Amino acid sequence: MIINHPLLGPRDAAEFVYLGDASLIDRPDWQAEDAAERFHDYGYLRDNPAGSHQELWYHEQGDRSWLVVTRDTLSHEITKVELARDVARARGRGK
């Protein structure tokens, strides 16, 4: 599988480590009144989709960047690759 890195171009997937669902970017507010419940859901509940899915990948054998890869879990076709920091900022996460 080839991942088209936004900064480095096409790279073999062997250079990367899969880290899970991209919803991990949406870490709950630890000060919220229902923080314990939210962190439970954040840490333990995951969907197992068939089809298009956003995933976190870490470029371990390269520039050590975090990427959000949109991949079809049935065909493994990659339709979009973005820097995780850009996705986080677009979702309203700071810095």
PDB file of N, CA and C in Angstrom:
ATOM      1  N   MET A   1       0.853  -1.165   0.000  1.00  0.00           N
ATOM      2  CA  MET A   1       0.000   0.000   0.000  1.00  0.00           C
ATOM      3  C   MET A   1       0.905   1.236   0.000  1.00  0.00           C
ATOM      4  N   ILE A   2       0.558   2.210  -0.799  1.00  0.00           N
ATOM      5  CA  ILE A   2       1.318   3.450  -0.906  1.00  0.00           C
ATOM      6  C   ILE A   2       0.514   4.576  -0.266  1.00  0.00           C
ATOM      7  N   ILE A   3       1.168   5.327   0.617  1.00  0.00           N
ATOM      8  CA  ILE A   3       0.564   6.487   1.263  1.00  0.00           C
ATOM      9  C   ILE A   3       1.207   7.729   0.661  1.00  0.00           C
ATOM     10  N   ASN A   4       0.388   8.580   0.074  1.00  0.00           N
ATOM     11  CA  ASN A   4       0.890   9.798  -0.561  1.00  0.00           C
ATOM     12  C   ASN A   4       1.042  10.884   0.498  1.00  0.00           C
ATOM     13  N   HIS A   5       2.209  10.930   1.129  1.00  0.00           N
ATOM     14  CA  HIS A   5       2.505  11.876   2.203  1.00  0.00           C
ATOM     15  C   HIS A   5       2.376  13.305   1.670  1.00  0.00           C
ATOM     16  N   PRO A   6       1.668  14.199   2.387  1.00  0.00           N
ATOM     17  CA  PRO A   6       1.455  15.557   1.888  1.00  0.00           C
ATOM     18  C   PRO A   6       2.741  16.372   1.713  1.00  0.00           C
ATOM     19  N   LEU A   7       3.798  16.026   2.444  1.00  0.00           N
ATOM     20  CA  LEU A   7       5.058  16.762   2.338  1.00  0.00           C
ATOM     21  C   LEU A   7       6.132  16.007   1.559  1.00  0.00           C
ATOM     22  N   LEU A   8       6.135  14.690   1.644  1.00  0.00           N
ATOM     23  CA  LEU A   8       7.219  13.890   1.085  1.00  0.00           C
ATOM     24  C   LEU A   8       6.847  13.104  -0.162  1.00  0.00           C
ATOM     25  N   GLY A   9       5.575  13.107  -0.521  1.00  0.00           N
ATOM     26  CA  GLY A   9       5.138  12.361  -1.698  1.00  0.00           C
ATOM     27  C   GLY A   9       4.856  10.901  -1.370  1.00  0.00           C
ATOM     28  N   PRO A  10       4.729  10.061  -2.402  1.00  0.00           N
ATOM     29  CA  PRO A  10       4.367   8.653  -2.209  1.00  0.00           C
ATOM     30  C   PRO A  10       5.407   7.893  -1.379  1.00  0.00           C
ATOM     31  N   ARG A  11       4.922   7.193  -0.352  1.00  0.00           N
ATOM     32  CA  ARG A  11       5.782   6.398   0.535  1.00  0.00           C
ATOM     33  C   ARG A  11       5.132   5.034   0.746  1.00  0.00           C
ATOM     34  N   ASP A  12       5.956   4.023   0.927  1.00  0.00           N
ATOM     35  CA  ASP A  12       5.453   2.684   1.218  1.00  0.00           C
ATOM     36  C   ASP A  12       4.866   2.658   2.622  1.00  0.00           C
ATOM     37  N   ALA A  13       3.764   1.963   2.796  1.00  0.00           N
ATOM     38  CA  ALA A  13       3.091   1.885   4.095  1.00  0.00           C
ATOM     39  C   ALA A  13       3.987   1.257   5.168  1.00  0.00           C
ATOM     40  N   ALA A  14       5.011   0.515   4.771  1.00  0.00           N
ATOM     41  CA  ALA A  14       5.921  -0.100   5.740  1.00  0.00           C
ATOM     42  C   ALA A  14       6.687   0.958   6.542  1.00  0.00           C
ATOM     43  N   GLU A  15       6.756   2.186   6.052  1.00  0.00           N
ATOM     44  CA  GLU A  15       7.429   3.264   6.773  1.00  0.00           C
ATOM     45  C   GLU A  15       6.572   3.810   7.910  1.00  0.00           C
ATOM     46  N   PHE A  16       5.298   3.430   7.950  1.00  0.00           N
ATOM     47  CA  PHE A  16       4.331   4.006   8.880  1.00  0.00           C
ATOM     48  C   PHE A  16       3.871   2.981   9.910  1.00  0.00           C
ATOM     49  N   VAL A  17       3.321   3.507  10.996  1.00  0.00           N
ATOM     50  CA  VAL A  17       2.691   2.686  12.023  1.00  0.00           C
ATOM     51  C   VAL A  17       1.239   3.144  12.127  1.00  0.00           C
ATOM     52  N   TYR A  18       0.324   2.186  12.059  1.00  0.00           N
ATOM     53  CA  TYR A  18      -1.104   2.479  12.203  1.00  0.00           C
ATOM     54  C   TYR A  18      -1.404   2.693  13.675  1.00  0.00           C
ATOM     55  N   LEU A  19      -2.088   3.782  14.006  1.00  0.00           N
ATOM     56  CA  LEU A  19      -2.342   4.102  15.406  1.00  0.00           C
ATOM     57  C   LEU A  19      -3.807   4.116  15.793  1.00  0.00           C
ATOM     58  N   GLY A  20      -4.698   3.831  14.865  1.00  0.00           N
ATOM     59  CA  GLY A  20      -6.106   3.733  15.226  1.00  0.00           C
ATOM     60  C   GLY A  20      -6.980   4.779  14.574  1.00  0.00           C
ATOM     61  N   ASP A  21      -8.181   4.860  15.090  1.00  0.00           N
ATOM     62  CA  ASP A  21      -9.211   5.761  14.594  1.00  0.00           C
ATOM     63  C   ASP A  21      -8.789   7.219  14.764  1.00  0.00           C
ATOM     64  N   ALA A  22      -9.022   8.029  13.757  1.00  0.00           N
ATOM     65  CA  ALA A  22      -8.648   9.446  13.818  1.00  0.00           C
ATOM     66  C   ALA A  22      -9.481  10.227  14.818  1.00  0.00           C
ATOM     67  N   SER A  23     -10.520   9.642  15.369  1.00  0.00           N
ATOM     68  CA  SER A  23     -11.297  10.338  16.402  1.00  0.00           C
ATOM     69  C   SER A  23     -10.458  10.555  17.664  1.00  0.00           C
ATOM     70  N   LEU A  24      -9.300   9.906  17.759  1.00  0.00           N
ATOM     71  CA  LEU A  24      -8.414  10.124  18.905  1.00  0.00           C
ATOM     72  C   LEU A  24      -7.945  11.576  18.976  1.00  0.00           C
ATOM     73  N   ILE A  25      -8.038  12.300  17.870  1.00  0.00           N
ATOM     74  CA  ILE A  25      -7.691  13.718  17.856  1.00  0.00           C
ATOM     75  C   ILE A  25      -8.652  14.508  18.746  1.00  0.00           C
ATOM     76  N   ASP A  26      -9.870  14.028  18.857  1.00  0.00           N
ATOM     77  CA  ASP A  26     -10.923  14.737  19.592  1.00  0.00           C
ATOM     78  C   ASP A  26     -10.938  14.369  21.067  1.00  0.00           C
ATOM     79  N   ARG A  27      -9.822  14.573  21.735  1.00  0.00           N
ATOM     80  CA  ARG A  27      -9.690  14.239  23.153  1.00  0.00           C
ATOM     81  C   ARG A  27     -10.687  15.062  23.969  1.00  0.00           C
ATOM     82  N   PRO A  28     -11.391  14.429  24.905  1.00  0.00           N
ATOM     83  CA  PRO A  28     -12.386  15.151  25.715  1.00  0.00           C
ATOM     84  C   PRO A  28     -11.748  16.188  26.650  1.00  0.00           C
ATOM     85  N   ASP A  29     -12.553  17.122  27.072  1.00  0.00           N
ATOM     86  CA  ASP A  29     -12.134  18.133  28.039  1.00  0.00           C
ATOM     87  C   ASP A  29     -12.089  17.487  29.426  1.00  0.00           C
ATOM     88  N   TRP A  30     -10.935  17.466  30.035  1.00  0.00           N
ATOM     89  CA  TRP A  30     -10.789  16.806  31.329  1.00  0.00           C
ATOM     90  C   TRP A  30     -11.518  17.544  32.441  1.00  0.00           C
ATOM     91  N   GLN A  31     -11.924  18.792  32.187  1.00  0.00           N
ATOM     92  CA  GLN A  31     -12.607  19.569  33.213  1.00  0.00           C
ATOM     93  C   GLN A  31     -14.131  19.500  33.096  1.00  0.00           C
ATOM     94  N   ALA A  32     -14.638  18.824  32.108  1.00  0.00           N
ATOM     95  CA  ALA A  32     -16.087  18.720  31.936  1.00  0.00           C
ATOM     96  C   ALA A  32     -16.695  17.911  33.085  1.00  0.00           C
ATOM     97  N   GLU A  33     -17.945  18.194  33.395  1.00  0.00           N
ATOM     98  CA  GLU A  33     -18.609  17.489  34.500  1.00  0.00           C
ATOM     99  C   GLU A  33     -18.731  15.992  34.236  1.00  0.00           C
ATOM    100  N   ASP A  34     -18.892  15.615  32.980  1.00  0.00           N
ATOM    101  CA  ASP A  34     -18.999  14.197  32.632  1.00  0.00           C
ATOM    102  C   ASP A  34     -17.695  13.660  32.040  1.00  0.00           C
ATOM    103  N   ALA A  35     -16.558  14.188  32.503  1.00  0.00           N
ATOM    104  CA  ALA A  35     -15.249  13.824  31.955  1.00  0.00           C
ATOM    105  C   ALA A  35     -14.964  12.322  32.073  1.00  0.00           C
ATOM    106  N   ALA A  36     -15.316  11.705  33.188  1.00  0.00           N
ATOM    107  CA  ALA A  36     -15.034  10.280  33.367  1.00  0.00           C
ATOM    108  C   ALA A  36     -15.743   9.444  32.308  1.00  0.00           C
ATOM    109  N   GLU A  37     -17.005   9.749  32.059  1.00  0.00           N
ATOM    110  CA  GLU A  37     -17.766   9.014  31.045  1.00  0.00           C
ATOM    111  C   GLU A  37     -17.195   9.271  29.647  1.00  0.00           C
ATOM    112  N   ARG A  38     -16.869  10.518  29.379  1.00  0.00           N
ATOM    113  CA  ARG A  38     -16.315  10.852  28.055  1.00  0.00           C
ATOM    114  C   ARG A  38     -14.967  10.166  27.818  1.00  0.00           C
ATOM    115  N   PHE A  39     -14.109  10.137  28.840  1.00  0.00           N
ATOM    116  CA  PHE A  39     -12.814   9.480  28.680  1.00  0.00           C
ATOM    117  C   PHE A  39     -12.965   7.969  28.544  1.00  0.00           C
ATOM    118  N   HIS A  40     -13.950   7.393  29.206  1.00  0.00           N
ATOM    119  CA  HIS A  40     -14.224   5.966  29.029  1.00  0.00           C
ATOM    120  C   HIS A  40     -14.568   5.699  27.569  1.00  0.00           C
ATOM    121  N   ASP A  41     -15.499   6.465  27.028  1.00  0.00           N
ATOM    122  CA  ASP A  41     -15.901   6.292  25.629  1.00  0.00           C
ATOM    123  C   ASP A  41     -14.725   6.544  24.689  1.00  0.00           C
ATOM    124  N   TYR A  42     -13.952   7.593  24.968  1.00  0.00           N
ATOM    125  CA  TYR A  42     -12.786   7.962  24.156  1.00  0.00           C
ATOM    126  C   TYR A  42     -11.750   6.831  24.122  1.00  0.00           C
ATOM    127  N   GLY A  43     -11.526   6.216  25.271  1.00  0.00           N
ATOM    128  CA  GLY A  43     -10.489   5.197  25.370  1.00  0.00           C
ATOM    129  C   GLY A  43     -10.902   3.797  24.940  1.00  0.00           C
ATOM    130  N   TYR A  44     -12.202   3.479  25.059  1.00  0.00           N
ATOM    131  CA  TYR A  44     -12.606   2.093  24.863  1.00  0.00           C
ATOM    132  C   TYR A  44     -13.598   1.828  23.741  1.00  0.00           C
ATOM    133  N   LEU A  45     -14.372   2.810  23.338  1.00  0.00           N
ATOM    134  CA  LEU A  45     -15.412   2.555  22.343  1.00  0.00           C
ATOM    135  C   LEU A  45     -14.946   2.979  20.956  1.00  0.00           C
ATOM    136  N   ARG A  46     -14.947   2.042  20.027  1.00  0.00           N
ATOM    137  CA  ARG A  46     -14.532   2.321  18.658  1.00  0.00           C
ATOM    138  C   ARG A  46     -15.520   1.676  17.694  1.00  0.00           C
ATOM    139  N   ASP A  47     -15.720   2.354  16.571  1.00  0.00           N
ATOM    140  CA  ASP A  47     -16.499   1.762  15.492  1.00  0.00           C
ATOM    141  C   ASP A  47     -15.594   0.829  14.697  1.00  0.00           C
ATOM    142  N   ASN A  48     -16.185  -0.106  14.014  1.00  0.00           N
ATOM    143  CA  ASN A  48     -15.451  -1.004  13.130  1.00  0.00           C
ATOM    144  C   ASN A  48     -16.110  -0.913  11.754  1.00  0.00           C
ATOM    145  N   PRO A  49     -15.852   0.200  11.051  1.00  0.00           N
ATOM    146  CA  PRO A  49     -16.604   0.469   9.824  1.00  0.00           C
ATOM    147  C   PRO A  49     -16.164  -0.389   8.643  1.00  0.00           C
ATOM    148  N   ALA A  50     -17.098  -0.646   7.768  1.00  0.00           N
ATOM    149  CA  ALA A  50     -16.799  -1.249   6.470  1.00  0.00           C
ATOM    150  C   ALA A  50     -17.008  -0.139   5.454  1.00  0.00           C
ATOM    151  N   GLY A  51     -15.921   0.316   4.871  1.00  0.00           N
ATOM    152  CA  GLY A  51     -15.998   1.420   3.926  1.00  0.00           C
ATOM    153  C   GLY A  51     -15.029   2.521   4.302  1.00  0.00           C
ATOM    154  N   SER A  52     -15.354   3.746   3.919  1.00  0.00           N
ATOM    155  CA  SER A  52     -14.470   4.895   4.135  1.00  0.00           C
ATOM    156  C   SER A  52     -14.301   5.168   5.627  1.00  0.00           C
ATOM    157  N   HIS A  53     -13.045   5.355   6.024  1.00  0.00           N
ATOM    158  CA  HIS A  53     -12.724   5.516   7.439  1.00  0.00           C
ATOM    159  C   HIS A  53     -11.482   6.381   7.580  1.00  0.00           C
ATOM    160  N   GLN A  54     -11.476   7.297   8.568  1.00  0.00           N
ATOM    161  CA  GLN A  54     -10.298   8.119   8.844  1.00  0.00           C
ATOM    162  C   GLN A  54      -9.458   7.448   9.919  1.00  0.00           C
ATOM    163  N   GLU A  55      -8.160   7.327   9.630  1.00  0.00           N
ATOM    164  CA  GLU A  55      -7.240   6.629  10.528  1.00  0.00           C
ATOM    165  C   GLU A  55      -6.021   7.495  10.815  1.00  0.00           C
ATOM    166  N   LEU A  56      -5.413   7.293  11.981  1.00  0.00           N
ATOM    167  CA  LEU A  56      -4.156   7.953  12.323  1.00  0.00           C
ATOM    168  C   LEU A  56      -2.986   7.049  11.948  1.00  0.00           C
ATOM    169  N   TRP A  57      -2.028   7.603  11.249  1.00  0.00           N
ATOM    170  CA  TRP A  57      -0.806   6.890  10.893  1.00  0.00           C
ATOM    171  C   TRP A  57       0.386   7.756  11.311  1.00  0.00           C
ATOM    172  N   TYR A  58       1.444   7.116  11.806  1.00  0.00           N
ATOM    173  CA  TYR A  58       2.652   7.801  12.262  1.00  0.00           C
ATOM    174  C   TYR A  58       3.802   7.418  11.343  1.00  0.00           C
ATOM    175  N   HIS A  59       4.502   8.412  10.805  1.00  0.00           N
ATOM    176  CA  HIS A  59       5.601   8.155   9.868  1.00  0.00           C
ATOM    177  C   HIS A  59       6.886   7.884  10.650  1.00  0.00           C
ATOM    178  N   GLU A  60       6.956   6.686  11.198  1.00  0.00           N
ATOM    179  CA  GLU A  60       8.054   6.302  12.086  1.00  0.00           C
ATOM    180  C   GLU A  60       9.406   6.271  11.381  1.00  0.00           C
ATOM    181  N   GLN A  61       9.453   5.782  10.168  1.00  0.00           N
ATOM    182  CA  GLN A  61      10.724   5.654   9.460  1.00  0.00           C
ATOM    183  C   GLN A  61      10.945   6.805   8.476  1.00  0.00           C
ATOM    184  N   GLY A  62      10.440   7.960   8.836  1.00  0.00           N
ATOM    185  CA  GLY A  62      10.584   9.130   7.980  1.00  0.00           C
ATOM    186  C   GLY A  62      10.688  10.382   8.816  1.00  0.00           C
ATOM    187  N   ASP A  63       9.805  11.331   8.559  1.00  0.00           N
ATOM    188  CA  ASP A  63       9.879  12.621   9.238  1.00  0.00           C
ATOM    189  C   ASP A  63       9.140  12.651  10.572  1.00  0.00           C
ATOM    190  N   ARG A  64       8.629  11.518  11.017  1.00  0.00           N
ATOM    191  CA  ARG A  64       7.927  11.367  12.301  1.00  0.00           C
ATOM    192  C   ARG A  64       6.664  12.215  12.392  1.00  0.00           C
ATOM    193  N   SER A  65       6.032  12.413  11.271  1.00  0.00           N
ATOM    194  CA  SER A  65       4.782  13.178  11.253  1.00  0.00           C
ATOM    195  C   SER A  65       3.595  12.259  11.525  1.00  0.00           C
ATOM    196  N   TRP A  66       2.515  12.872  11.981  1.00  0.00           N
ATOM    197  CA  TRP A  66       1.250  12.177  12.186  1.00  0.00           C
ATOM    198  C   TRP A  66       0.345  12.539  11.021  1.00  0.00           C
ATOM    199  N   LEU A  67      -0.310  11.544  10.448  1.00  0.00           N
ATOM    200  CA  LEU A  67      -1.191  11.758   9.306  1.00  0.00           C
ATOM    201  C   LEU A  67      -2.585  11.230   9.595  1.00  0.00           C
ATOM    202  N   VAL A  68      -3.572  11.861   8.991  1.00  0.00           N
ATOM    203  CA  VAL A  68      -4.924  11.324   8.970  1.00  0.00           C
ATOM    204  C   VAL A  68      -5.139  10.804   7.554  1.00  0.00           C
ATOM    205  N   VAL A  69      -5.290   9.489   7.459  1.00  0.00           N
ATOM    206  CA  VAL A  69      -5.458   8.815   6.169  1.00  0.00           C
ATOM    207  C   VAL A  69      -6.911   8.375   6.054  1.00  0.00           C
ATOM    208  N   THR A  70      -7.567   8.812   4.991  1.00  0.00           N
ATOM    209  CA  THR A  70      -8.927   8.354   4.720  1.00  0.00           C
ATOM    210  C   THR A  70      -8.805   7.166   3.777  1.00  0.00           C
ATOM    211  N   ARG A  71      -9.212   5.984   4.285  1.00  0.00           N
ATOM    212  CA  ARG A  71      -8.999   4.733   3.563  1.00  0.00           C
ATOM    213  C   ARG A  71     -10.276   3.919   3.564  1.00  0.00           C
ATOM    214  N   ASP A  72     -10.532   3.252   2.446  1.00  0.00           N
ATOM    215  CA  ASP A  72     -11.661   2.331   2.359  1.00  0.00           C
ATOM    216  C   ASP A  72     -11.204   1.009   2.971  1.00  0.00           C
ATOM    217  N   THR A  73     -11.855   0.585   4.045  1.00  0.00           N
ATOM    218  CA  THR A  73     -11.424  -0.625   4.742  1.00  0.00           C
ATOM    219  C   THR A  73     -11.728  -1.908   3.971  1.00  0.00           C
ATOM    220  N   LEU A  74     -12.554  -1.819   2.949  1.00  0.00           N
ATOM    221  CA  LEU A  74     -12.863  -2.994   2.133  1.00  0.00           C
ATOM    222  C   LEU A  74     -11.859  -3.178   0.998  1.00  0.00           C
ATOM    223  N   SER A  75     -11.487  -2.085   0.340  1.00  0.00           N
ATOM    224  CA  SER A  75     -10.584  -2.173  -0.818  1.00  0.00           C
ATOM    225  C   SER A  75      -9.172  -1.689  -0.514  1.00  0.00           C
ATOM    226  N   HIS A  76      -8.955  -1.061   0.621  1.00  0.00           N
ATOM    227  CA  HIS A  76      -7.691  -0.441   1.030  1.00  0.00           C
ATOM    228  C   HIS A  76      -7.318   0.763   0.170  1.00  0.00           C
ATOM    229  N   GLU A  77      -8.254   1.247  -0.643  1.00  0.00           N
ATOM    230  CA  GLU A  77      -7.989   2.424  -1.457  1.00  0.00           C
ATOM    231  C   GLU A  77      -7.904   3.655  -0.551  1.00  0.00           C
ATOM    232  N   ILE A  78      -6.826   4.417  -0.715  1.00  0.00           N
ATOM    233  CA  ILE A  78      -6.635   5.643   0.050  1.00  0.00           C
ATOM    234  C   ILE A  78      -7.146   6.803  -0.790  1.00  0.00           C
ATOM    235  N   THR A  79      -8.081   7.570  -0.219  1.00  0.00           N
ATOM    236  CA  THR A  79      -8.676   8.669  -0.970  1.00  0.00           C
ATOM    237  C   THR A  79      -8.173  10.037  -0.526  1.00  0.00           C
ATOM    238  N   LYS A  80      -7.591  10.120   0.680  1.00  0.00           N
ATOM    239  CA  LYS A  80      -7.123  11.416   1.169  1.00  0.00           C
ATOM    240  C   LYS A  80      -6.069  11.207   2.249  1.00  0.00           C
ATOM    241  N   VAL A  81      -5.042  12.059   2.245  1.00  0.00           N
ATOM    242  CA  VAL A  81      -4.011  12.033   3.284  1.00  0.00           C
ATOM    243  C   VAL A  81      -3.759  13.473   3.709  1.00  0.00           C
ATOM    244  N   GLU A  82      -3.864  13.726   5.020  1.00  0.00           N
ATOM    245  CA  GLU A  82      -3.679  15.072   5.554  1.00  0.00           C
ATOM    246  C   GLU A  82      -2.766  15.013   6.775  1.00  0.00           C
ATOM    247  N   LEU A  83      -2.083  16.116   7.054  1.00  0.00           N
ATOM    248  CA  LEU A  83      -1.326  16.208   8.291  1.00  0.00           C
ATOM    249  C   LEU A  83      -2.318  16.272   9.452  1.00  0.00           C
ATOM    250  N   ALA A  84      -2.062  15.503  10.489  1.00  0.00           N
ATOM    251  CA  ALA A  84      -2.980  15.438  11.626  1.00  0.00           C
ATOM    252  C   ALA A  84      -3.137  16.802  12.291  1.00  0.00           C
ATOM    253  N   ARG A  85      -2.084  17.593  12.308  1.00  0.00           N
ATOM    254  CA  ARG A  85      -2.191  18.917  12.940  1.00  0.00           C
ATOM    255  C   ARG A  85      -3.186  19.802  12.197  1.00  0.00           C
ATOM    256  N   ASP A  86      -3.230  19.683  10.865  1.00  0.00           N
ATOM    257  CA  ASP A  86      -4.184  20.472  10.083  1.00  0.00           C
ATOM    258  C   ASP A  86      -5.619  20.022  10.345  1.00  0.00           C
ATOM    259  N   VAL A  87      -5.808  18.726  10.479  1.00  0.00           N
ATOM    260  CA  VAL A  87      -7.140  18.182  10.777  1.00  0.00           C
ATOM    261  C   VAL A  87      -7.574  18.635  12.171  1.00  0.00           C
ATOM    262  N   ALA A  88      -6.650  18.571  13.137  1.00  0.00           N
ATOM    263  CA  ALA A  88      -6.968  18.978  14.510  1.00  0.00           C
ATOM    264  C   ALA A  88      -7.348  20.455  14.555  1.00  0.00           C
ATOM    265  N   ARG A  89      -6.598  21.282  13.859  1.00  0.00           N
ATOM    266  CA  ARG A  89      -6.908  22.713  13.850  1.00  0.00           C
ATOM    267  C   ARG A  89      -8.263  22.976  13.191  1.00  0.00           C
ATOM    268  N   ALA A  90      -8.553  22.246  12.122  1.00  0.00           N
ATOM    269  CA  ALA A  90      -9.851  22.403  11.443  1.00  0.00           C
ATOM    270  C   ALA A  90     -11.003  21.987  12.351  1.00  0.00           C
ATOM    271  N   ARG A  91     -10.737  21.081  13.282  1.00  0.00           N
ATOM    272  CA  ARG A  91     -11.762  20.620  14.233  1.00  0.00           C
ATOM    273  C   ARG A  91     -11.836  21.486  15.469  1.00  0.00           C
ATOM    274  N   GLY A  92     -11.042  22.560  15.495  1.00  0.00           N
ATOM    275  CA  GLY A  92     -11.098  23.491  16.610  1.00  0.00           C
ATOM    276  C   GLY A  92     -10.115  23.223  17.724  1.00  0.00           C
ATOM    277  N   ARG A  93      -9.182  22.302  17.518  1.00  0.00           N
ATOM    278  CA  ARG A  93      -8.162  22.051  18.526  1.00  0.00           C
ATOM    279  C   ARG A  93      -7.119  23.154  18.446  1.00  0.00           C
ATOM    280  N   GLY A  94      -6.570  23.566  19.570  1.00  0.00           N
ATOM    281  CA  GLY A  94      -5.568  24.634  19.607  1.00  0.00           C
ATOM    282  C   GLY A  94      -4.219  24.173  19.108  1.00  0.00           C
ATOM    283  N   LYS A  95      -3.307  25.054  19.062  1.00  0.00           N
ATOM    284  CA  LYS A  95      -1.897  24.888  18.727  1.00  0.00           C
ATOM    285  C   LYS A  95      -1.629  23.639  17.977  1.00  0.00           C
TER     286      LYS A  95
END
